[in-house]
Amino acid sequence: KNCQLEFAANHLAVLAMPILDAATSSKAPEKTDDADEARDADEGNKDCCITCKQWCINKASLAWSEALPVIYKQFTPTKRKMLVSENLPQAVIAIVYLVLVGDSPVVAILNLAIPVLQVTLAWVLFKPVQRRIAPKLAGRIDAALEASDLQQLQRLREEAQLDQDVELFRHICLQSTWLVDFVKDDQGTKRRESRSSSSVQERLKASLRVCSHCLDSLPSEVLDVSAELKGNEKAFKGVLAIVCRDLEAMQTLKMNNNDIPTSWAKELAVGLSKNHFLVHLDLSGNPFDVEGMKALARGLKEKPLESLVLTGNDLGAAGAKVAMEIQTQTLKIANNNLKREGAEAVAAGLHHNQTLVELDLAQNALGAEGMQAVSL
């Protein structure tokens, strides 16, 4: 007991010393300095806490963003089907066991509850996770396209099942700087139409098909959207956005048989003027008028091509005259109703065109006079 009292007295004296010093001190500046130091210490502690808190938040956010793709893969439609196919036999066996044997109901219930919980969570959490992962996937897809990393692009598409999930495709395109034009006007339409309406879904599916076709074509250095864009302006704008990106992996563009109107031809001309790697262009089967042909000529000005195909475009003599102004080694303008006047326009163009090596004029009803004009 005496030891305890002595111990308490010693510690009370130590604790009381600062209080007595403060009470007996008559130097006001020292008190001010102590208060400032205390305040500075408090502020430093607060700043340290804020910094630590921010660091923790950043690390947690980074970990969550890295985990999202893994989580999403557990909730995809394919994974849900696998869960059902794997767990349904287990549930049936548990019910049969419970009915026939009757003992261990807890085990049987667990065998039922766990599969049901897995499938239910996959269905309930799929949409929220899908929306959260879209920006990250869009950023990674944009980065792969920017770097022309086609292997990474293909892997991302396979992991996210982008070609099978229309809604995920829509969310990713809205967040992507490369693919946004495939669904750009979709938001305004959504306000007037139900998301589940057949027309909206059909447009999304059509855009998804064209987008997938574009991405599939890139490894072969050919962007082939033949007969894919008829009447689908949104898909056309999406393809045009890719053309404007000046991808080194895209050296051939096939847009034949798409009934491209003059307005689209003018927009395409602007996109072609921004592309420096394209050397083969196929626009056959697109009956745009002379104004559209002039726009294309302006877009391809001082941009030499290896081949230009304008077969079956109903160019006529005026269109053929404009086509001869384009610098290309091979020009195919067969089946364009040129007749004698068109032949004369082609003949005049041959005198000024220094790059043309091969010229296709088949099925143009040139006649003897037309053939003679061209041969001269």
Protein backbone atom coordinates (compact mmCIF):
# COMPACT_ATOMS: atom_id res chain seq x y z
CA LYS A 1 0.00 0.00 0.00
CA ASN A 2 2.83 2.42 0.85
CA CYS A 3 4.53 1.60 -2.46
CA GLN A 4 1.33 2.41 -4.32
CA LEU A 5 0.93 5.73 -2.53
CA GLU A 6 4.53 6.66 -3.23
CA PHE A 7 4.15 5.72 -6.88
CA ALA A 8 0.98 7.82 -7.23
CA ALA A 9 2.57 10.80 -5.51
CA ASN A 10 5.60 10.76 -7.78
CA HIS A 11 3.45 10.57 -10.91
CA LEU A 12 1.06 13.26 -9.72
CA ALA A 13 4.01 15.55 -9.18
CA VAL A 14 5.26 14.89 -12.69
CA LEU A 15 1.81 15.53 -14.17
CA ALA A 16 1.35 18.69 -12.14
CA MET A 17 4.66 20.29 -13.17
CA PRO A 18 3.47 21.62 -16.58
CA ILE A 19 0.34 23.07 -14.98
CA LEU A 20 2.37 24.83 -12.25
CA ASP A 21 4.86 26.14 -14.81
CA ALA A 22 2.04 27.55 -16.92
CA ALA A 23 0.36 29.14 -13.89
CA THR A 24 3.52 30.73 -12.50
CA SER A 25 5.01 31.83 -15.78
CA SER A 26 4.62 35.54 -16.43
CA LYS A 27 6.04 35.58 -19.99
CA ALA A 28 3.11 36.05 -22.37
CA PRO A 29 5.16 35.50 -25.57
CA GLU A 30 6.11 32.01 -24.40
CA LYS A 31 2.47 31.16 -23.88
CA THR A 32 1.76 32.41 -27.41
CA ASP A 33 4.63 30.35 -28.80
CA ASP A 34 3.35 27.24 -27.05
CA ALA A 35 -0.15 27.83 -28.43
CA ASP A 36 1.21 28.34 -31.95
CA GLU A 37 3.29 25.20 -31.70
CA ALA A 38 0.29 23.24 -30.49
CA ARG A 39 -1.85 24.62 -33.29
CA ASP A 40 0.84 23.84 -35.86
CA ALA A 41 1.11 20.33 -34.49
CA ASP A 42 -2.66 19.88 -34.75
CA GLU A 43 -2.70 21.16 -38.31
CA GLY A 44 0.21 18.88 -39.21
CA ASN A 45 -1.62 15.92 -37.75
CA LYS A 46 -4.74 16.85 -39.68
CA ASP A 47 -2.78 17.18 -42.95
CA CYS A 48 -1.12 13.85 -42.29
CA CYS A 49 -4.51 12.23 -41.66
CA ILE A 50 -5.94 13.73 -44.85
CA THR A 51 -2.93 12.54 -46.87
CA CYS A 52 -3.18 9.04 -45.43
CA LYS A 53 -6.90 8.98 -46.06
CA GLN A 54 -6.44 10.09 -49.67
CA TRP A 55 -3.70 7.49 -50.18
CA CYS A 56 -6.00 4.78 -48.83
CA ILE A 57 -8.84 5.94 -51.08
CA ASN A 58 -6.59 5.95 -54.15
CA LYS A 59 -5.26 2.48 -53.40
CA ALA A 60 -8.76 1.15 -52.77
CA SER A 61 -10.01 2.72 -56.00
CA LEU A 62 -7.11 1.21 -57.95
CA ALA A 63 -7.68 -2.22 -56.42
CA TRP A 64 -11.40 -2.00 -57.17
CA SER A 65 -10.80 -0.98 -60.79
CA GLU A 66 -8.40 -3.90 -61.24
CA ALA A 67 -10.84 -6.32 -59.65
CA LEU A 68 -13.86 -5.17 -61.68
CA PRO A 69 -12.96 -7.09 -64.88
CA VAL A 70 -12.47 -10.28 -62.88
CA ILE A 71 -15.80 -9.76 -61.09
CA TYR A 72 -17.58 -8.97 -64.33
CA LYS A 73 -16.38 -12.20 -65.92
CA GLN A 74 -18.20 -14.09 -63.14
CA PHE A 75 -21.49 -12.38 -64.04
CA THR A 76 -21.50 -12.50 -67.83
CA PRO A 77 -24.41 -14.23 -69.61
CA THR A 78 -22.15 -17.14 -70.56
CA LYS A 79 -20.99 -17.55 -66.96
CA ARG A 80 -24.59 -17.46 -65.70
CA LYS A 81 -25.55 -20.23 -68.10
CA MET A 82 -22.57 -22.25 -66.89
CA LEU A 83 -23.65 -21.71 -63.27
CA VAL A 84 -27.14 -22.96 -64.03
CA SER A 85 -25.90 -25.98 -66.00
CA GLU A 86 -23.39 -26.88 -63.26
CA ASN A 87 -25.61 -26.30 -60.24
CA LEU A 88 -28.97 -27.55 -61.53
CA PRO A 89 -27.95 -31.25 -61.34
CA GLN A 90 -26.57 -30.64 -57.84
CA ALA A 91 -29.89 -29.09 -56.74
CA VAL A 92 -31.92 -31.93 -58.24
CA ILE A 93 -29.76 -34.54 -56.52
CA ALA A 94 -30.13 -32.67 -53.20
CA ILE A 95 -33.93 -32.70 -53.50
CA VAL A 96 -34.01 -36.39 -54.44
CA TYR A 97 -31.68 -37.21 -51.53
CA LEU A 98 -33.84 -35.24 -49.10
CA VAL A 99 -37.01 -36.98 -50.28
CA LEU A 100 -35.61 -40.51 -50.35
CA VAL A 101 -33.20 -40.53 -47.42
CA GLY A 102 -34.68 -37.83 -45.26
CA ASP A 103 -31.70 -37.28 -42.94
CA SER A 104 -29.25 -34.35 -42.94
CA PRO A 105 -31.76 -31.74 -44.11
CA VAL A 106 -29.19 -29.02 -43.35
CA VAL A 107 -26.76 -30.45 -45.92
CA ALA A 108 -29.52 -30.75 -48.50
CA ILE A 109 -30.71 -27.20 -47.88
CA LEU A 110 -27.15 -25.88 -48.20
CA ASN A 111 -26.76 -27.76 -51.47
CA LEU A 112 -29.87 -25.95 -52.67
CA ALA A 113 -29.19 -22.54 -51.14
CA ILE A 114 -25.62 -22.06 -52.35
CA PRO A 115 -26.35 -22.61 -56.09
CA VAL A 116 -29.49 -20.48 -55.88
CA LEU A 117 -27.51 -17.72 -54.15
CA GLN A 118 -24.78 -17.86 -56.80
CA VAL A 119 -27.19 -17.60 -59.71
CA THR A 120 -29.27 -14.90 -57.99
CA LEU A 121 -26.22 -12.75 -57.25
CA ALA A 122 -25.02 -13.17 -60.83
CA TRP A 123 -28.38 -11.92 -62.14
CA VAL A 124 -28.82 -9.08 -59.62
CA LEU A 125 -25.27 -7.69 -59.73
CA PHE A 126 -24.69 -8.07 -63.45
CA LYS A 127 -26.19 -4.70 -64.53
CA PRO A 128 -24.50 -2.56 -61.85
CA VAL A 129 -21.12 -4.16 -62.48
CA GLN A 130 -21.65 -3.86 -66.21
CA ARG A 131 -22.16 -0.11 -65.96
CA ARG A 132 -19.18 0.35 -63.68
CA ILE A 133 -16.81 -1.62 -65.86
CA ALA A 134 -17.80 0.12 -69.12
CA PRO A 135 -15.55 3.20 -68.68
CA LYS A 136 -12.52 1.05 -67.85
CA LEU A 137 -13.10 -1.27 -70.79
CA ALA A 138 -13.69 1.72 -73.07
CA GLY A 139 -10.40 3.27 -71.98
CA ARG A 140 -8.48 0.04 -72.55
CA ILE A 141 -10.09 -0.44 -75.98
CA ASP A 142 -9.23 3.14 -76.96
CA ALA A 143 -5.64 2.62 -75.81
CA ALA A 144 -5.35 -0.58 -77.86
CA LEU A 145 -6.72 1.16 -80.96
CA GLU A 146 -4.47 4.18 -80.40
CA ALA A 147 -1.42 1.92 -80.24
CA SER A 148 -2.68 -0.33 -83.08
CA ASP A 149 -2.36 -3.23 -80.62
CA LEU A 150 -4.81 -5.54 -82.37
CA GLN A 151 -3.97 -8.56 -80.21
CA GLN A 152 -4.86 -6.64 -77.04
CA LEU A 153 -8.02 -5.38 -78.73
CA GLN A 154 -9.11 -8.89 -79.62
CA ARG A 155 -8.39 -10.13 -76.10
CA LEU A 156 -10.47 -7.34 -74.55
CA ARG A 157 -13.37 -8.11 -76.85
CA GLU A 158 -13.27 -11.78 -75.96
CA GLU A 159 -13.00 -11.16 -72.21
CA ALA A 160 -15.90 -8.70 -72.14
CA GLN A 161 -17.96 -10.67 -74.68
CA LEU A 162 -18.50 -7.34 -76.40
CA ASP A 163 -19.80 -8.92 -79.60
CA GLN A 164 -22.58 -10.74 -77.72
CA ASP A 165 -23.76 -8.15 -75.19
CA VAL A 166 -25.66 -5.29 -76.85
CA GLU A 167 -26.14 -3.26 -73.66
CA LEU A 168 -22.48 -3.47 -72.68
CA PHE A 169 -21.56 -2.44 -76.20
CA ARG A 170 -23.79 0.64 -75.85
CA HIS A 171 -22.26 1.61 -72.49
CA ILE A 172 -18.70 1.13 -73.77
CA CYS A 173 -19.33 3.11 -76.97
CA LEU A 174 -20.76 6.02 -74.97
CA GLN A 175 -17.51 6.12 -72.94
CA SER A 176 -15.16 5.54 -75.88
CA THR A 177 -13.66 8.32 -77.98
CA TRP A 178 -13.16 5.89 -80.87
CA LEU A 179 -16.53 4.13 -80.96
CA VAL A 180 -18.96 6.76 -79.64
CA ASP A 181 -20.25 7.58 -83.14
CA PHE A 182 -21.79 4.12 -83.44
CA VAL A 183 -24.35 5.12 -80.75
CA LYS A 184 -23.89 8.89 -80.58
CA ASP A 185 -27.49 9.80 -81.42
CA ASP A 186 -28.87 7.00 -79.31
CA GLN A 187 -29.32 9.10 -76.16
CA GLY A 188 -31.77 11.50 -77.79
CA THR A 189 -33.71 8.62 -79.22
CA LYS A 190 -33.87 6.91 -75.81
CA ARG A 191 -35.83 9.80 -74.40
CA ARG A 192 -38.61 9.21 -76.92
CA GLU A 193 -38.53 5.43 -77.09
CA SER A 194 -38.41 2.67 -74.56
CA ARG A 195 -35.01 1.03 -74.17
CA SER A 196 -36.60 -2.35 -74.67
CA SER A 197 -38.42 -1.33 -77.89
CA SER A 198 -37.64 -3.48 -80.89
CA SER A 199 -36.54 -0.54 -83.06
CA VAL A 200 -33.90 0.59 -80.55
CA GLN A 201 -32.62 -2.94 -80.09
CA GLU A 202 -32.44 -3.49 -83.84
CA ARG A 203 -30.42 -0.31 -84.31
CA LEU A 204 -28.05 -1.33 -81.55
CA LYS A 205 -27.63 -4.80 -83.03
CA ALA A 206 -26.96 -3.35 -86.48
CA SER A 207 -24.37 -0.94 -85.09
CA LEU A 208 -22.79 -3.75 -83.06
CA ARG A 209 -22.57 -5.94 -86.14
CA VAL A 210 -20.87 -3.21 -88.18
CA CYS A 211 -18.52 -2.28 -85.34
CA SER A 212 -17.53 -5.92 -84.81
CA HIS A 213 -17.00 -6.32 -88.53
CA CYS A 214 -14.72 -3.27 -88.56
CA LEU A 215 -12.65 -4.52 -85.64
CA ASP A 216 -12.45 -8.01 -87.15
CA SER A 217 -11.15 -6.57 -90.41
CA LEU A 218 -8.30 -4.55 -88.95
CA PRO A 219 -5.76 -7.42 -88.52
CA SER A 220 -5.92 -8.03 -92.29
CA GLU A 221 -5.30 -4.30 -92.96
CA VAL A 222 -8.70 -4.22 -94.69
CA LEU A 223 -11.74 -2.37 -93.37
CA ASP A 224 -14.53 -4.16 -95.21
CA VAL A 225 -18.10 -2.91 -94.66
CA SER A 226 -19.48 -3.98 -98.02
CA ALA A 227 -23.31 -3.85 -98.06
CA GLU A 228 -23.32 -3.27 -94.27
CA LEU A 229 -24.29 0.40 -94.14
CA LYS A 230 -27.43 0.67 -96.27
CA GLY A 231 -29.70 3.24 -94.62
CA ASN A 232 -27.77 3.04 -91.34
CA GLU A 233 -26.33 6.52 -90.92
CA LYS A 234 -25.21 5.82 -87.37
CA ALA A 235 -23.11 2.86 -88.47
CA PHE A 236 -21.71 4.95 -91.33
CA LYS A 237 -20.63 7.68 -88.92
CA GLY A 238 -19.00 5.07 -86.69
CA VAL A 239 -17.00 3.69 -89.62
CA LEU A 240 -16.15 7.23 -90.70
CA ALA A 241 -14.77 7.98 -87.24
CA ILE A 242 -12.41 5.00 -87.56
CA VAL A 243 -11.35 6.17 -91.03
CA CYS A 244 -10.56 9.63 -89.62
CA ARG A 245 -8.31 8.10 -86.96
CA ASP A 246 -5.64 7.41 -89.58
CA LEU A 247 -4.90 3.84 -88.45
CA GLU A 248 -1.75 2.35 -89.91
CA ALA A 249 -3.45 -1.04 -89.78
CA MET A 250 -6.07 0.12 -92.30
CA GLN A 251 -4.69 0.31 -95.84
CA THR A 252 -7.78 -0.88 -97.71
CA LEU A 253 -11.33 0.46 -97.35
CA LYS A 254 -14.23 -1.40 -98.96
CA MET A 255 -17.55 0.45 -98.81
CA ASN A 256 -19.08 -0.98 -101.97
CA ASN A 257 -22.80 -1.67 -102.44
CA ASN A 258 -23.97 0.61 -99.65
CA ASP A 259 -26.14 3.04 -101.65
CA ILE A 260 -24.06 5.92 -100.31
CA PRO A 261 -25.90 9.22 -100.95
CA THR A 262 -24.18 12.45 -101.87
CA SER A 263 -24.32 13.77 -98.28
CA TRP A 264 -22.46 10.70 -97.03
CA ALA A 265 -19.94 11.00 -99.88
CA LYS A 266 -19.10 14.54 -98.77
CA GLU A 267 -18.56 13.40 -95.17
CA LEU A 268 -16.45 10.48 -96.38
CA ALA A 269 -14.29 12.87 -98.39
CA VAL A 270 -13.46 14.81 -95.22
CA GLY A 271 -12.49 11.57 -93.45
CA LEU A 272 -10.33 10.40 -96.36
CA SER A 273 -8.44 13.70 -96.34
CA LYS A 274 -7.32 12.90 -92.76
CA ASN A 275 -6.11 9.39 -93.55
CA HIS A 276 -2.52 8.98 -94.73
CA PHE A 277 -2.19 5.18 -94.85
CA LEU A 278 -5.11 4.24 -97.12
CA VAL A 279 -3.99 3.08 -100.57
CA HIS A 280 -6.92 0.94 -101.82
CA LEU A 281 -10.46 2.33 -101.99
CA ASP A 282 -13.54 0.48 -103.25
CA LEU A 283 -16.71 2.57 -103.59
CA SER A 284 -18.41 0.57 -106.33
CA GLY A 285 -22.17 0.21 -106.33
CA ASN A 286 -22.79 3.63 -104.75
CA PRO A 287 -24.69 5.90 -107.14
CA PHE A 288 -23.83 9.30 -105.66
CA ASP A 289 -24.02 12.19 -108.10
CA VAL A 290 -21.38 14.47 -109.60
CA GLU A 291 -21.31 16.67 -106.48
CA GLY A 292 -20.41 13.65 -104.38
CA MET A 293 -17.71 12.72 -106.90
CA LYS A 294 -16.26 16.23 -106.75
CA ALA A 295 -16.18 16.07 -102.95
CA LEU A 296 -14.27 12.77 -103.12
CA ALA A 297 -11.81 14.25 -105.57
CA ARG A 298 -11.15 17.12 -103.16
CA GLY A 299 -10.69 14.70 -100.27
CA LEU A 300 -8.22 12.61 -102.27
CA LYS A 301 -6.35 15.60 -103.69
CA GLU A 302 -2.57 15.12 -103.51
CA LYS A 303 -3.18 11.72 -101.94
CA PRO A 304 -1.94 9.04 -104.37
CA LEU A 305 -3.78 5.72 -104.31
CA GLU A 306 -2.78 2.36 -105.69
CA SER A 307 -6.34 1.48 -106.71
CA LEU A 308 -9.75 3.15 -106.87
CA VAL A 309 -12.86 1.15 -107.77
CA LEU A 310 -15.97 3.05 -108.91
CA THR A 311 -17.67 0.29 -110.88
CA GLY A 312 -21.43 0.57 -111.29
CA ASN A 313 -21.80 4.08 -109.86
CA ASP A 314 -23.65 5.59 -112.84
CA LEU A 315 -21.03 8.33 -113.13
CA GLY A 316 -21.81 9.42 -116.66
CA ALA A 317 -19.50 11.69 -118.61
CA ALA A 318 -19.37 14.40 -115.92
CA GLY A 319 -18.50 11.91 -113.16
CA ALA A 320 -15.85 10.21 -115.30
CA LYS A 321 -14.20 13.58 -115.94
CA VAL A 322 -13.90 14.16 -112.16
CA ALA A 323 -12.67 10.60 -111.56
CA MET A 324 -9.81 11.14 -113.98
CA GLU A 325 -8.53 13.96 -111.76
CA ILE A 326 -7.82 11.56 -108.88
CA GLN A 327 -4.23 10.30 -108.57
CA THR A 328 -4.31 6.52 -108.68
CA GLN A 329 -2.38 3.75 -110.40
CA THR A 330 -5.49 1.66 -111.10
CA LEU A 331 -8.90 3.15 -111.88
CA LYS A 332 -11.95 0.94 -112.45
CA ILE A 333 -14.97 2.80 -113.80
CA ALA A 334 -16.68 -0.06 -115.62
CA ASN A 335 -20.49 -0.11 -116.04
CA ASN A 336 -20.97 3.62 -115.54
CA ASN A 337 -22.97 4.50 -118.65
CA LEU A 338 -20.14 6.63 -120.06
CA LYS A 339 -20.97 6.30 -123.76
CA ARG A 340 -19.10 8.39 -126.30
CA GLU A 341 -19.17 11.61 -124.23
CA GLY A 342 -17.67 9.80 -121.26
CA ALA A 343 -14.99 8.26 -123.45
CA GLU A 344 -14.01 11.72 -124.67
CA ALA A 345 -13.85 12.98 -121.05
CA VAL A 346 -11.63 10.01 -120.13
CA ALA A 347 -9.41 10.66 -123.15
CA ALA A 348 -8.98 14.29 -122.13
CA GLY A 349 -8.14 13.24 -118.58
CA LEU A 350 -5.50 10.77 -119.76
CA HIS A 351 -3.42 13.64 -121.13
CA HIS A 352 -3.12 15.17 -117.64
CA ASN A 353 -3.07 12.09 -115.40
CA GLN A 354 0.57 11.10 -114.81
CA THR A 355 0.00 8.27 -112.32
CA LEU A 356 -2.57 6.03 -114.04
CA VAL A 357 -1.26 2.63 -115.13
CA GLU A 358 -4.43 0.53 -115.48
CA LEU A 359 -7.89 1.69 -116.59
CA ASP A 360 -11.06 -0.43 -116.70
CA LEU A 361 -13.79 0.90 -119.04
CA ALA A 362 -15.79 -2.30 -119.64
CA GLN A 363 -19.58 -2.24 -120.13
CA ASN A 364 -19.84 1.46 -120.87
CA ALA A 365 -21.28 1.39 -124.41
CA LEU A 366 -18.42 3.55 -125.70
CA GLY A 367 -19.01 2.75 -129.32
CA ALA A 368 -16.46 2.90 -132.08
CA GLU A 369 -15.93 6.63 -131.78
CA GLY A 370 -15.52 6.40 -128.01
CA MET A 371 -12.99 3.59 -128.30
CA GLN A 372 -11.07 5.54 -130.89
CA ALA A 373 -11.00 8.62 -128.65
CA VAL A 374 -9.62 6.64 -125.74
CA SER A 375 -7.04 4.83 -127.84
CA LEU A 376 -5.66 8.13 -129.07
